[in-house]
Amino acid sequence: MPSLPASYTLNPKAPTEFDRFGPVHCVKIDNELVSALAASGENPLARSTISTSIRGSTRSVGTIIHPEGGPISYRSCIVSTQNLTDAHVAIAGHILDRCERSSDNAEITVFLYILGRQIDYYVVDHDSKAIIWVSGQVPESFKGAIRAKHEHEYWIHMENFPGPRFSTSEDLCLLKEVLASNAIDALTSEGSTSPMSVQQIQTHLKSLELFSSSGDVQQTYAVARLWNLILQSRVINKYGTPEARMDRFISITDNPPDFAGTYASVAKLMFKRPHAHLGRCSRAWADRIAYTEEWRKFKTTNEREWKQIMALVSSALTN
């Protein structure tokens, strides 16, 4: 397959690097790219790969609406927030011809976003739940990535594009098992690396019982959201590596860095409360997901305490 024109650049990205909430740019294709793509249209590998149907999808071309409201365009195994054109299809074939997949029959999805002469992309291998790129191209953020990071980025993609390839019954079953395991771990260990409390897990499991074995856009989005909470914690805790942290407090010191200069005097006037405050913040944020309701309670408590401390300091200074 002929290469893209030298003026065009393939830019490998991770799913987390794509801003789904940003404005969508229209694609303008110039004659140089049209000619190059036309010359590559007879490649049999690209043609057979792109024409492969997606499991769980009844249509090969169309648009679905993301649960948060944005449109997603798809054309066989290609997805984008842009309207897909023949240029996207040809570029996807160009990329797939240069990727090393887990197998020739691996189920894949290609994300594309064309901005001027830059082509942002990544390829999803659904069988291995990994993100791949053209041979020799890896984003800086992915160099040395552990397995948990690949899985996290995989579910970021599924959260961003919960169709036309949907989550499977196996994904749902494993998610329930992992949540149940995390609930027991959180209940029996103060230093549990579970990103959710037992009460939150119980709520999620109850909601998951309403799901069917066949996925759809809404179900895929919800499953992906929960997997991302779990996998983000696994990445932080180096899950699956010899350096894995099995206790979330293992890296936290009980003695935050000392305040210096003017701040040292202020700290003394505040009866060393800043040190205690930093310690509490560290433990509250340590490898945990800060849920909105938890953060509001934490913020309210600390605001009340700081007002009391400032009142005491003001009283001490005026006396």
Protein backbone atom coordinates (compact mmCIF):
# COMPACT_ATOMS: atom_id res chain seq x y z
CA MET A 1 0.00 0.00 0.00
CA PRO A 2 1.45 3.41 -0.94
CA SER A 3 2.28 5.73 1.92
CA LEU A 4 0.32 8.82 2.79
CA PRO A 5 1.67 12.08 1.35
CA ALA A 6 4.69 13.33 3.28
CA SER A 7 2.76 16.44 4.31
CA TYR A 8 0.32 14.27 6.30
CA THR A 9 1.22 12.88 9.72
CA LEU A 10 -0.12 9.86 11.57
CA ASN A 11 -0.32 10.89 15.21
CA PRO A 12 -0.69 7.93 17.63
CA LYS A 13 -2.83 8.79 20.65
CA ALA A 14 -4.17 7.00 23.70
CA PRO A 15 -7.94 7.07 24.26
CA THR A 16 -7.48 9.27 27.35
CA GLU A 17 -5.73 11.88 25.17
CA PHE A 18 -8.82 12.38 23.02
CA ASP A 19 -11.16 15.14 24.19
CA ARG A 20 -14.65 13.86 23.41
CA PHE A 21 -16.15 17.11 24.71
CA GLY A 22 -14.18 19.38 22.37
CA PRO A 23 -15.65 20.93 19.21
CA VAL A 24 -15.77 18.65 16.17
CA HIS A 25 -13.88 19.88 13.11
CA CYS A 26 -15.07 19.27 9.57
CA VAL A 27 -12.78 17.24 7.34
CA LYS A 28 -11.34 18.97 4.27
CA ILE A 29 -9.52 16.63 1.89
CA ASP A 30 -7.13 18.14 -0.65
CA ASN A 31 -6.27 16.70 -4.07
CA GLU A 32 -2.88 15.39 -2.91
CA LEU A 33 -4.46 13.11 -0.30
CA VAL A 34 -7.32 12.10 -2.64
CA SER A 35 -4.81 10.91 -5.25
CA ALA A 36 -2.75 8.97 -2.73
CA LEU A 37 -5.83 7.33 -1.24
CA ALA A 38 -7.17 6.41 -4.65
CA ALA A 39 -3.91 4.64 -5.44
CA SER A 40 -4.22 2.61 -2.24
CA GLY A 41 -7.82 1.55 -2.80
CA GLU A 42 -6.96 -1.83 -4.30
CA ASN A 43 -5.14 -3.21 -1.24
CA PRO A 44 -6.86 -6.55 -0.47
CA LEU A 45 -5.86 -6.70 3.21
CA ALA A 46 -7.26 -3.27 3.97
CA ARG A 47 -10.42 -3.98 2.02
CA SER A 48 -11.09 -7.31 3.76
CA THR A 49 -10.35 -5.90 7.22
CA ILE A 50 -12.49 -2.81 6.86
CA SER A 51 -15.40 -4.79 5.45
CA THR A 52 -15.45 -7.17 8.44
CA SER A 53 -18.70 -6.80 10.37
CA ILE A 54 -18.71 -5.80 14.03
CA ARG A 55 -20.03 -8.32 16.54
CA GLY A 56 -23.20 -7.09 18.22
CA SER A 57 -24.00 -4.55 15.48
CA THR A 58 -26.79 -5.03 12.94
CA ARG A 59 -25.60 -2.19 10.70
CA SER A 60 -22.23 -1.50 9.15
CA VAL A 61 -22.76 2.23 8.62
CA GLY A 62 -24.60 4.74 10.76
CA THR A 63 -24.69 7.09 13.73
CA ILE A 64 -25.50 6.39 17.36
CA ILE A 65 -26.06 8.84 20.19
CA HIS A 66 -23.75 8.64 23.18
CA PRO A 67 -25.61 8.41 26.54
CA GLU A 68 -24.23 11.88 27.33
CA GLY A 69 -25.71 13.26 24.11
CA GLY A 70 -22.99 13.46 21.45
CA PRO A 71 -23.24 11.69 18.06
CA ILE A 72 -20.83 8.87 17.17
CA SER A 73 -20.29 7.97 13.52
CA TYR A 74 -19.27 4.45 12.55
CA ARG A 75 -18.50 2.67 9.34
CA SER A 76 -17.83 -1.01 9.88
CA CYS A 77 -14.90 -1.11 12.33
CA ILE A 78 -14.14 2.65 12.15
CA VAL A 79 -15.49 5.15 14.70
CA SER A 80 -15.16 8.90 15.07
CA THR A 81 -16.95 11.98 16.29
CA GLN A 82 -16.48 13.31 12.75
CA ASN A 83 -18.70 12.33 9.84
CA LEU A 84 -16.86 9.40 8.25
CA THR A 85 -15.86 9.69 4.61
CA ASP A 86 -14.16 7.45 2.06
CA ALA A 87 -10.94 9.15 3.11
CA HIS A 88 -11.36 7.85 6.68
CA VAL A 89 -11.92 4.33 5.33
CA ALA A 90 -8.81 4.43 3.14
CA ILE A 91 -6.69 5.87 5.97
CA ALA A 92 -7.94 3.14 8.33
CA GLY A 93 -6.87 0.53 5.79
CA HIS A 94 -3.46 2.20 5.54
CA ILE A 95 -3.11 2.02 9.35
CA LEU A 96 -4.32 -1.58 9.72
CA ASP A 97 -1.89 -2.74 7.05
CA ARG A 98 0.94 -1.58 9.35
CA CYS A 99 -0.36 -2.77 12.73
CA GLU A 100 0.70 -5.92 14.54
CA ARG A 101 -2.52 -7.47 15.81
CA SER A 102 -2.84 -10.40 18.23
CA SER A 103 -4.23 -12.47 15.35
CA ASP A 104 -5.38 -11.94 11.77
CA ASN A 105 -8.97 -12.60 12.87
CA ALA A 106 -8.86 -10.32 15.93
CA GLU A 107 -11.91 -8.12 16.33
CA ILE A 108 -10.73 -4.54 16.01
CA THR A 109 -11.98 -0.95 16.06
CA VAL A 110 -10.10 1.97 14.51
CA PHE A 111 -10.54 5.46 15.96
CA LEU A 112 -9.75 8.31 13.54
CA TYR A 113 -9.84 12.08 13.81
CA ILE A 114 -8.50 14.19 10.96
CA LEU A 115 -7.44 17.72 11.86
CA GLY A 116 -5.81 19.58 8.99
CA ARG A 117 -2.85 17.47 7.94
CA GLN A 118 -2.66 15.57 11.22
CA ILE A 119 -4.42 12.24 11.59
CA ASP A 120 -5.00 11.25 15.23
CA TYR A 121 -5.65 7.55 15.65
CA TYR A 122 -5.48 4.40 17.72
CA VAL A 123 -6.55 0.80 17.12
CA VAL A 124 -8.47 -1.29 19.65
CA ASP A 125 -7.92 -5.05 19.81
CA HIS A 126 -11.09 -6.30 21.51
CA ASP A 127 -9.86 -9.88 21.86
CA SER A 128 -6.80 -8.91 23.94
CA LYS A 129 -8.30 -5.65 25.29
CA ALA A 130 -5.22 -3.75 24.17
CA ILE A 131 -4.51 -0.51 22.30
CA ILE A 132 -2.16 -0.78 19.34
CA TRP A 133 -0.67 1.51 16.72
CA VAL A 134 1.35 1.38 13.52
CA SER A 135 4.57 -0.57 14.08
CA GLY A 136 7.22 1.76 15.49
CA GLN A 137 4.65 4.27 16.76
CA VAL A 138 3.76 4.41 20.45
CA PRO A 139 2.56 7.50 22.36
CA GLU A 140 5.04 8.79 24.93
CA SER A 141 2.52 8.11 27.70
CA PHE A 142 2.36 4.42 26.75
CA LYS A 143 6.05 3.56 26.76
CA GLY A 144 6.60 0.79 29.30
CA ALA A 145 2.85 0.53 29.94
CA ILE A 146 1.72 -2.33 32.15
CA ARG A 147 -1.16 -4.64 31.27
CA ALA A 148 -3.57 -2.78 33.58
CA LYS A 149 -2.95 0.44 31.65
CA HIS A 150 -3.93 -1.24 28.37
CA GLU A 151 -7.15 -2.49 29.95
CA HIS A 152 -7.86 0.94 31.44
CA GLU A 153 -7.40 2.64 28.07
CA TYR A 154 -9.53 -0.06 26.44
CA TRP A 155 -12.46 0.76 28.71
CA ILE A 156 -11.87 4.49 28.27
CA HIS A 157 -12.46 3.85 24.58
CA MET A 158 -15.59 1.82 25.34
CA GLU A 159 -16.86 4.65 27.55
CA ASN A 160 -16.19 7.21 24.82
CA PHE A 161 -17.60 4.98 22.06
CA PRO A 162 -20.12 2.55 23.65
CA GLY A 163 -21.17 1.26 20.23
CA PRO A 164 -21.58 -0.12 17.71
CA ARG A 165 -19.32 -2.71 19.38
CA PHE A 166 -21.01 -3.40 22.71
CA SER A 167 -19.78 -4.90 25.96
CA THR A 168 -20.30 -8.65 26.28
CA SER A 169 -21.97 -10.90 28.84
CA GLU A 170 -18.46 -12.01 29.85
CA ASP A 171 -17.51 -8.39 30.57
CA LEU A 172 -20.57 -7.99 32.78
CA CYS A 173 -20.04 -11.27 34.63
CA LEU A 174 -16.38 -10.51 35.37
CA LEU A 175 -17.25 -6.99 36.51
CA LYS A 176 -19.72 -8.39 39.07
CA GLU A 177 -17.09 -10.81 40.36
CA VAL A 178 -14.45 -8.10 40.71
CA LEU A 179 -16.89 -5.74 42.47
CA ALA A 180 -17.87 -8.49 44.93
CA SER A 181 -14.20 -9.21 45.61
CA ASN A 182 -13.50 -5.52 46.18
CA ALA A 183 -16.42 -5.29 48.60
CA ILE A 184 -15.01 -8.09 50.74
CA ASP A 185 -11.53 -6.55 50.58
CA ALA A 186 -12.82 -3.10 51.59
CA LEU A 187 -14.87 -4.62 54.41
CA THR A 188 -11.97 -6.61 55.88
CA SER A 189 -9.00 -4.29 55.28
CA GLU A 190 -8.53 -0.64 56.22
CA GLY A 191 -5.84 -0.31 53.58
CA SER A 192 -7.95 -1.86 50.81
CA THR A 193 -7.08 -0.65 47.31
CA SER A 194 -10.73 -0.89 46.29
CA PRO A 195 -11.73 2.45 44.71
CA MET A 196 -15.24 2.15 46.15
CA SER A 197 -16.82 1.67 49.53
CA VAL A 198 -18.92 -1.40 50.38
CA GLN A 199 -22.11 0.67 50.22
CA GLN A 200 -21.25 2.01 46.77
CA ILE A 201 -20.41 -1.46 45.48
CA GLN A 202 -23.73 -2.80 46.76
CA THR A 203 -25.54 -0.04 44.89
CA HIS A 204 -23.65 -0.81 41.67
CA LEU A 205 -24.27 -4.57 41.93
CA LYS A 206 -27.97 -3.94 42.42
CA SER A 207 -28.05 -1.79 39.26
CA LEU A 208 -26.08 -4.37 37.27
CA GLU A 209 -28.68 -7.03 38.06
CA LEU A 210 -31.09 -5.11 35.82
CA PHE A 211 -28.81 -5.54 32.79
CA SER A 212 -29.40 -8.18 30.14
CA SER A 213 -26.83 -10.58 28.72
CA SER A 214 -26.90 -8.74 25.39
CA GLY A 215 -25.27 -5.33 25.54
CA ASP A 216 -26.47 -2.02 24.15
CA VAL A 217 -25.20 1.55 24.18
CA GLN A 218 -26.51 2.43 27.65
CA GLN A 219 -25.34 -0.83 29.22
CA THR A 220 -21.90 -0.65 27.58
CA TYR A 221 -21.41 2.90 28.83
CA ALA A 222 -22.33 1.94 32.41
CA VAL A 223 -20.12 -1.18 32.40
CA ALA A 224 -17.21 0.85 31.00
CA ARG A 225 -17.58 3.55 33.66
CA LEU A 226 -17.34 1.00 36.47
CA TRP A 227 -14.44 -0.84 34.87
CA ASN A 228 -12.56 2.46 34.58
CA LEU A 229 -12.90 3.19 38.29
CA ILE A 230 -11.46 -0.23 39.09
CA LEU A 231 -8.69 -0.13 36.49
CA GLN A 232 -7.59 3.41 37.36
CA SER A 233 -6.92 2.16 40.88
CA ARG A 234 -5.07 -0.86 39.48
CA VAL A 235 -2.80 1.34 37.37
CA ILE A 236 -1.97 3.54 40.37
CA ASN A 237 -1.25 0.50 42.52
CA LYS A 238 0.82 -1.24 39.80
CA TYR A 239 -1.54 -4.19 39.74
CA GLY A 240 -0.03 -7.34 38.27
CA THR A 241 3.59 -6.24 38.67
CA PRO A 242 6.28 -7.23 41.21
CA GLU A 243 5.97 -3.69 42.67
CA ALA A 244 2.23 -4.00 43.28
CA ARG A 245 0.99 -2.08 46.32
CA MET A 246 -1.51 -4.19 48.22
CA ASP A 247 -2.07 -1.58 50.94
CA ARG A 248 -3.06 1.91 49.85
CA PHE A 249 -1.37 3.51 52.90
CA ILE A 250 2.03 2.01 52.15
CA SER A 251 3.34 5.13 50.41
CA ILE A 252 1.83 7.70 52.77
CA THR A 253 3.93 9.33 55.46
CA ASP A 254 2.36 10.40 58.70
CA ASN A 255 4.67 13.43 58.78
CA PRO A 256 4.01 15.86 55.90
CA PRO A 257 6.92 18.19 54.90
CA ASP A 258 7.54 20.93 57.47
CA PHE A 259 6.33 24.44 56.74
CA ALA A 260 9.15 26.95 56.34
CA GLY A 261 9.55 30.73 56.65
CA THR A 262 6.41 32.75 57.26
CA TYR A 263 4.30 29.63 56.91
CA ALA A 264 6.08 28.08 59.91
CA SER A 265 4.94 30.97 62.15
CA VAL A 266 1.41 30.76 60.78
CA ALA A 267 1.39 27.01 61.41
CA LYS A 268 2.34 27.60 65.06
CA LEU A 269 -0.43 30.18 65.48
CA MET A 270 -2.84 27.61 64.05
CA PHE A 271 -1.78 25.05 66.66
CA LYS A 272 -0.14 22.78 64.01
CA ARG A 273 -3.53 22.22 62.37
CA PRO A 274 -2.11 22.57 58.81
CA HIS A 275 -0.03 19.40 59.38
CA ALA A 276 -3.07 17.45 60.50
CA HIS A 277 -5.09 18.87 57.61
CA LEU A 278 -2.52 17.72 55.03
CA GLY A 279 -2.40 14.29 56.59
CA ARG A 280 -6.17 13.94 56.38
CA CYS A 281 -6.18 15.13 52.77
CA SER A 282 -3.50 12.58 51.89
CA ARG A 283 -5.49 9.73 53.35
CA ALA A 284 -8.75 10.92 51.78
CA TRP A 285 -7.18 11.07 48.33
CA ALA A 286 -4.82 8.10 48.61
CA ASP A 287 -5.48 6.05 45.49
CA ARG A 288 -9.23 6.54 45.92
CA ILE A 289 -11.82 7.91 43.56
CA ALA A 290 -13.24 11.11 45.09
CA TYR A 291 -16.97 10.67 44.58
CA THR A 292 -18.99 13.87 44.55
CA GLU A 293 -21.03 13.11 47.67
CA GLU A 294 -17.89 12.15 49.63
CA TRP A 295 -15.97 15.21 48.52
CA ARG A 296 -18.83 17.55 49.50
CA LYS A 297 -18.88 16.14 53.03
CA PHE A 298 -15.08 16.31 53.27
CA LYS A 299 -15.04 19.89 51.97
CA THR A 300 -17.82 21.03 54.31
CA THR A 301 -16.08 19.57 57.37
CA ASN A 302 -12.76 21.19 56.53
CA GLU A 303 -14.31 24.58 55.77
CA ARG A 304 -16.00 24.55 59.18
CA GLU A 305 -12.76 23.60 60.94
CA TRP A 306 -10.72 26.27 59.14
CA LYS A 307 -13.26 28.96 60.05
CA GLN A 308 -12.99 27.94 63.68
CA ILE A 309 -9.18 28.00 63.51
CA MET A 310 -9.11 31.43 61.82
CA ALA A 311 -11.44 32.76 64.52
CA LEU A 312 -9.08 31.48 67.21
CA VAL A 313 -6.04 33.00 65.46
CA SER A 314 -7.77 36.35 65.04
CA SER A 315 -8.69 36.33 68.72
CA ALA A 316 -5.10 35.48 69.73
CA LEU A 317 -3.65 38.28 67.56
CA THR A 318 -6.00 40.95 68.93
CA ASN A 319 -5.31 40.09 72.58
